[in-house]
PDB file of N, CA and C in Angstrom:
ATOM      1  N   MET A   1     -75.642  36.437  34.498  1.00  0.00           N
ATOM      2  CA  MET A   1     -76.204  37.782  34.447  1.00  0.00           C
ATOM      3  C   MET A   1     -75.289  38.690  33.631  1.00  0.00           C
ATOM      4  N   ILE A   2     -75.862  39.684  33.058  1.00  0.00           N
ATOM      5  CA  ILE A   2     -75.124  40.633  32.234  1.00  0.00           C
ATOM      6  C   ILE A   2     -74.371  41.602  33.136  1.00  0.00           C
ATOM      7  N   LYS A   3     -73.095  41.852  32.815  1.00  0.00           N
ATOM      8  CA  LYS A   3     -72.259  42.718  33.652  1.00  0.00           C
ATOM      9  C   LYS A   3     -72.247  44.164  33.181  1.00  0.00           C
ATOM     10  N   LYS A   4     -72.809  44.437  31.994  1.00  0.00           N
ATOM     11  CA  LYS A   4     -72.855  45.782  31.437  1.00  0.00           C
ATOM     12  C   LYS A   4     -74.302  46.280  31.468  1.00  0.00           C
ATOM     13  N   THR A   5     -74.465  47.583  31.279  1.00  0.00           N
ATOM     14  CA  THR A   5     -75.823  48.091  31.089  1.00  0.00           C
ATOM     15  C   THR A   5     -76.286  47.669  29.695  1.00  0.00           C
ATOM     16  N   LEU A   6     -77.575  47.638  29.488  1.00  0.00           N
ATOM     17  CA  LEU A   6     -78.104  47.283  28.167  1.00  0.00           C
ATOM     18  C   LEU A   6     -77.579  48.241  27.100  1.00  0.00           C
ATOM     19  N   CYS A   7     -77.339  49.468  27.482  1.00  0.00           N
ATOM     20  CA  CYS A   7     -76.857  50.493  26.561  1.00  0.00           C
ATOM     21  C   CYS A   7     -75.476  50.172  25.996  1.00  0.00           C
ATOM     22  N   LYS A   8     -74.680  49.457  26.744  1.00  0.00           N
ATOM     23  CA  LYS A   8     -73.298  49.169  26.350  1.00  0.00           C
ATOM     24  C   LYS A   8     -73.121  47.818  25.665  1.00  0.00           C
ATOM     25  N   LEU A   9     -74.190  47.051  25.518  1.00  0.00           N
ATOM     26  CA  LEU A   9     -74.081  45.732  24.909  1.00  0.00           C
ATOM     27  C   LEU A   9     -73.820  45.843  23.407  1.00  0.00           C
ATOM     28  N   ASP A  10     -72.936  44.993  22.908  1.00  0.00           N
ATOM     29  CA  ASP A  10     -72.725  44.925  21.465  1.00  0.00           C
ATOM     30  C   ASP A  10     -73.476  43.711  20.916  1.00  0.00           C
ATOM     31  N   LYS A  11     -73.397  43.508  19.630  1.00  0.00           N
ATOM     32  CA  LYS A  11     -74.148  42.432  18.979  1.00  0.00           C
ATOM     33  C   LYS A  11     -73.806  41.068  19.569  1.00  0.00           C
ATOM     34  N   HIS A  12     -72.540  40.827  19.838  1.00  0.00           N
ATOM     35  CA  HIS A  12     -72.099  39.552  20.410  1.00  0.00           C
ATOM     36  C   HIS A  12     -72.699  39.344  21.800  1.00  0.00           C
ATOM     37  N   ASP A  13     -72.666  40.380  22.638  1.00  0.00           N
ATOM     38  CA  ASP A  13     -73.251  40.301  23.988  1.00  0.00           C
ATOM     39  C   ASP A  13     -74.738  39.981  23.904  1.00  0.00           C
ATOM     40  N   MET A  14     -75.434  40.621  22.966  1.00  0.00           N
ATOM     41  CA  MET A  14     -76.874  40.413  22.835  1.00  0.00           C
ATOM     42  C   MET A  14     -77.184  38.984  22.392  1.00  0.00           C
ATOM     43  N   GLU A  15     -76.418  38.470  21.466  1.00  0.00           N
ATOM     44  CA  GLU A  15     -76.640  37.105  20.993  1.00  0.00           C
ATOM     45  C   GLU A  15     -76.445  36.087  22.114  1.00  0.00           C
ATOM     46  N   GLU A  16     -75.438  36.289  22.952  1.00  0.00           N
ATOM     47  CA  GLU A  16     -75.128  35.361  24.045  1.00  0.00           C
ATOM     48  C   GLU A  16     -76.130  35.433  25.195  1.00  0.00           C
ATOM     49  N   ASN A  17     -76.794  36.573  25.356  1.00  0.00           N
ATOM     50  CA  ASN A  17     -77.646  36.805  26.526  1.00  0.00           C
ATOM     51  C   ASN A  17     -79.095  37.105  26.181  1.00  0.00           C
ATOM     52  N   MET A  18     -79.559  36.659  25.039  1.00  0.00           N
ATOM     53  CA  MET A  18     -80.900  37.016  24.566  1.00  0.00           C
ATOM     54  C   MET A  18     -82.006  36.656  25.563  1.00  0.00           C
ATOM     55  N   ASP A  19     -81.955  35.486  26.176  1.00  0.00           N
ATOM     56  CA  ASP A  19     -82.999  35.097  27.135  1.00  0.00           C
ATOM     57  C   ASP A  19     -83.049  36.055  28.324  1.00  0.00           C
ATOM     58  N   THR A  20     -81.902  36.409  28.842  1.00  0.00           N
ATOM     59  CA  THR A  20     -81.826  37.340  29.972  1.00  0.00           C
ATOM     60  C   THR A  20     -82.330  38.717  29.562  1.00  0.00           C
ATOM     61  N   ILE A  21     -81.912  39.182  28.408  1.00  0.00           N
ATOM     62  CA  ILE A  21     -82.331  40.495  27.920  1.00  0.00           C
ATOM     63  C   ILE A  21     -83.850  40.555  27.766  1.00  0.00           C
ATOM     64  N   MET A  22     -84.433  39.498  27.247  1.00  0.00           N
ATOM     65  CA  MET A  22     -85.895  39.455  27.073  1.00  0.00           C
ATOM     66  C   MET A  22     -86.608  39.667  28.408  1.00  0.00           C
ATOM     67  N   LYS A  23     -86.080  39.102  29.484  1.00  0.00           N
ATOM     68  CA  LYS A  23     -86.676  39.271  30.813  1.00  0.00           C
ATOM     69  C   LYS A  23     -86.505  40.706  31.316  1.00  0.00           C
ATOM     70  N   LEU A  24     -85.365  41.320  30.994  1.00  0.00           N
ATOM     71  CA  LEU A  24     -85.068  42.666  31.484  1.00  0.00           C
ATOM     72  C   LEU A  24     -85.878  43.750  30.788  1.00  0.00           C
ATOM     73  N   VAL A  25     -86.419  43.445  29.616  1.00  0.00           N
ATOM     74  CA  VAL A  25     -87.161  44.458  28.866  1.00  0.00           C
ATOM     75  C   VAL A  25     -88.651  44.130  28.715  1.00  0.00           C
ATOM     76  N   ALA A  26     -89.100  43.010  29.276  1.00  0.00           N
ATOM     77  CA  ALA A  26     -90.471  42.536  29.079  1.00  0.00           C
ATOM     78  C   ALA A  26     -91.529  43.538  29.549  1.00  0.00           C
ATOM     79  N   LYS A  27     -91.358  44.108  30.709  1.00  0.00           N
ATOM     80  CA  LYS A  27     -92.316  45.083  31.258  1.00  0.00           C
ATOM     81  C   LYS A  27     -91.519  46.311  31.708  1.00  0.00           C
ATOM     82  N   PRO A  28     -91.150  47.145  30.767  1.00  0.00           N
ATOM     83  CA  PRO A  28     -90.249  48.265  31.093  1.00  0.00           C
ATOM     84  C   PRO A  28     -90.879  49.334  31.982  1.00  0.00           C
ATOM     85  N   HIS A  29     -90.053  49.845  32.887  1.00  0.00           N
ATOM     86  CA  HIS A  29     -90.448  50.956  33.756  1.00  0.00           C
ATOM     87  C   HIS A  29     -89.506  52.141  33.557  1.00  0.00           C
ATOM     88  N   TYR A  30     -88.398  51.905  32.836  1.00  0.00           N
ATOM     89  CA  TYR A  30     -87.396  52.940  32.609  1.00  0.00           C
ATOM     90  C   TYR A  30     -86.984  52.983  31.145  1.00  0.00           C
ATOM     91  N   LEU A  31     -86.638  54.188  30.692  1.00  0.00           N
ATOM     92  CA  LEU A  31     -86.180  54.447  29.339  1.00  0.00           C
ATOM     93  C   LEU A  31     -84.825  55.136  29.444  1.00  0.00           C
ATOM     94  N   CYS A  32     -83.868  54.757  28.608  1.00  0.00           N
ATOM     95  CA  CYS A  32     -82.572  55.427  28.625  1.00  0.00           C
ATOM     96  C   CYS A  32     -82.718  56.765  27.911  1.00  0.00           C
ATOM     97  N   GLY A  33     -82.323  57.825  28.581  1.00  0.00           N
ATOM     98  CA  GLY A  33     -82.404  59.161  28.008  1.00  0.00           C
ATOM     99  C   GLY A  33     -81.376  59.402  26.921  1.00  0.00           C
ATOM    100  N   LYS A  34     -80.419  58.507  26.769  1.00  0.00           N
ATOM    101  CA  LYS A  34     -79.370  58.655  25.755  1.00  0.00           C
ATOM    102  C   LYS A  34     -79.679  57.849  24.496  1.00  0.00           C
ATOM    103  N   CYS A  35     -80.051  56.581  24.643  1.00  0.00           N
ATOM    104  CA  CYS A  35     -80.202  55.706  23.470  1.00  0.00           C
ATOM    105  C   CYS A  35     -81.613  55.142  23.299  1.00  0.00           C
ATOM    106  N   ALA A  36     -82.527  55.451  24.206  1.00  0.00           N
ATOM    107  CA  ALA A  36     -83.935  55.056  24.138  1.00  0.00           C
ATOM    108  C   ALA A  36     -84.179  53.560  24.340  1.00  0.00           C
ATOM    109  N   ARG A  37     -83.230  52.839  24.899  1.00  0.00           N
ATOM    110  CA  ARG A  37     -83.500  51.445  25.265  1.00  0.00           C
ATOM    111  C   ARG A  37     -84.391  51.460  26.500  1.00  0.00           C
ATOM    112  N   VAL A  38     -85.070  50.351  26.767  1.00  0.00           N
ATOM    113  CA  VAL A  38     -85.955  50.258  27.921  1.00  0.00           C
ATOM    114  C   VAL A  38     -85.554  49.083  28.797  1.00  0.00           C
ATOM    115  N   ALA A  39     -85.960  49.135  30.083  1.00  0.00           N
ATOM    116  CA  ALA A  39     -85.650  48.059  31.018  1.00  0.00           C
ATOM    117  C   ALA A  39     -86.611  48.085  32.196  1.00  0.00           C
ATOM    118  N   THR A  40     -86.644  46.970  32.917  1.00  0.00           N
ATOM    119  CA  THR A  40     -87.505  46.859  34.086  1.00  0.00           C
ATOM    120  C   THR A  40     -86.948  47.632  35.279  1.00  0.00           C
ATOM    121  N   LYS A  41     -85.630  47.722  35.394  1.00  0.00           N
ATOM    122  CA  LYS A  41     -84.987  48.423  36.518  1.00  0.00           C
ATOM    123  C   LYS A  41     -83.974  49.424  35.983  1.00  0.00           C
ATOM    124  N   LYS A  42     -83.815  50.541  36.696  1.00  0.00           N
ATOM    125  CA  LYS A  42     -82.928  51.594  36.223  1.00  0.00           C
ATOM    126  C   LYS A  42     -81.457  51.186  36.201  1.00  0.00           C
ATOM    127  N   LYS A  43     -81.073  50.206  36.988  1.00  0.00           N
ATOM    128  CA  LYS A  43     -79.668  49.795  37.026  1.00  0.00           C
ATOM    129  C   LYS A  43     -79.194  49.167  35.711  1.00  0.00           C
ATOM    130  N   TYR A  44     -80.120  48.817  34.830  1.00  0.00           N
ATOM    131  CA  TYR A  44     -79.754  48.197  33.561  1.00  0.00           C
ATOM    132  C   TYR A  44     -79.517  49.212  32.446  1.00  0.00           C
ATOM    133  N   LEU A  45     -79.686  50.512  32.736  1.00  0.00           N
ATOM    134  CA  LEU A  45     -79.523  51.568  31.731  1.00  0.00           C
ATOM    135  C   LEU A  45     -78.512  52.598  32.194  1.00  0.00           C
ATOM    136  N   CYS A  46     -77.881  53.310  31.247  1.00  0.00           N
ATOM    137  CA  CYS A  46     -76.861  54.292  31.639  1.00  0.00           C
ATOM    138  C   CYS A  46     -77.460  55.653  32.023  1.00  0.00           C
ATOM    139  N   LYS A  47     -78.568  56.050  31.427  1.00  0.00           N
ATOM    140  CA  LYS A  47     -79.236  57.325  31.738  1.00  0.00           C
ATOM    141  C   LYS A  47     -80.735  57.072  31.929  1.00  0.00           C
ATOM    142  N   PRO A  48     -81.110  56.337  32.990  1.00  0.00           N
ATOM    143  CA  PRO A  48     -82.516  55.944  33.156  1.00  0.00           C
ATOM    144  C   PRO A  48     -83.454  57.104  33.484  1.00  0.00           C
ATOM    145  N   VAL A  49     -84.628  57.050  32.853  1.00  0.00           N
ATOM    146  CA  VAL A  49     -85.706  58.005  33.102  1.00  0.00           C
ATOM    147  C   VAL A  49     -86.961  57.181  33.340  1.00  0.00           C
ATOM    148  N   LYS A  50     -87.672  57.457  34.428  1.00  0.00           N
ATOM    149  CA  LYS A  50     -88.892  56.720  34.768  1.00  0.00           C
ATOM    150  C   LYS A  50     -89.937  56.949  33.683  1.00  0.00           C
ATOM    151  N   ILE A  51     -90.551  55.869  33.220  1.00  0.00           N
ATOM    152  CA  ILE A  51     -91.624  55.961  32.241  1.00  0.00           C
ATOM    153  C   ILE A  51     -92.913  56.260  32.996  1.00  0.00           C
ATOM    154  N   LYS A  52     -93.558  57.340  32.631  1.00  0.00           N
ATOM    155  CA  LYS A  52     -94.815  57.710  33.270  1.00  0.00           C
ATOM    156  C   LYS A  52     -95.950  56.969  32.584  1.00  0.00           C
ATOM    157  N   SER A  53     -96.914  56.561  33.357  1.00  0.00           N
ATOM    158  CA  SER A  53     -98.074  55.856  32.821  1.00  0.00           C
ATOM    159  C   SER A  53     -98.860  56.790  31.916  1.00  0.00           C
ATOM    160  N   SER A  54     -99.287  56.269  30.777  1.00  0.00           N
ATOM    161  CA  SER A  54    -100.073  57.078  29.847  1.00  0.00           C
ATOM    162  C   SER A  54    -101.565  56.856  30.022  1.00  0.00           C
ATOM    163  N   GLU A  55    -101.924  55.994  30.969  1.00  0.00           N
ATOM    164  CA  GLU A  55    -103.334  55.705  31.208  1.00  0.00           C
ATOM    165  C   GLU A  55    -103.976  56.883  31.943  1.00  0.00           C
ATOM    166  N   LYS A  56    -105.161  57.276  31.475  1.00  0.00           N
ATOM    167  CA  LYS A  56    -105.898  58.350  32.162  1.00  0.00           C
ATOM    168  C   LYS A  56    -106.707  57.748  33.288  1.00  0.00           C
ATOM    169  N   LYS A  57    -106.737  58.439  34.403  1.00  0.00           N
ATOM    170  CA  LYS A  57    -107.545  58.014  35.534  1.00  0.00           C
ATOM    171  C   LYS A  57    -108.985  58.423  35.288  1.00  0.00           C
ATOM    172  N   GLU A  58    -109.903  57.551  35.673  1.00  0.00           N
ATOM    173  CA  GLU A  58    -111.322  57.887  35.528  1.00  0.00           C
ATOM    174  C   GLU A  58    -111.691  58.947  36.542  1.00  0.00           C
ATOM    175  N   GLU A  59    -112.482  59.908  36.093  1.00  0.00           N
ATOM    176  CA  GLU A  59    -112.896  61.005  36.984  1.00  0.00           C
ATOM    177  C   GLU A  59    -114.325  60.844  37.389  1.00  0.00           C
TER     178      GLU A  59
END
């Protein structure tokens, strides 16, 4: 598992952990307010912001 947030990963970290990273970003629920990376859980980002659904509800 990755010990850093996605925001702090460098090129070497990304190359070594690509399979894990792909799982962490596959269905994002959070966006980093600093660098705009996305992740499934807020613990993987340094400044997580919940992504609001853009789907309109039928009335």
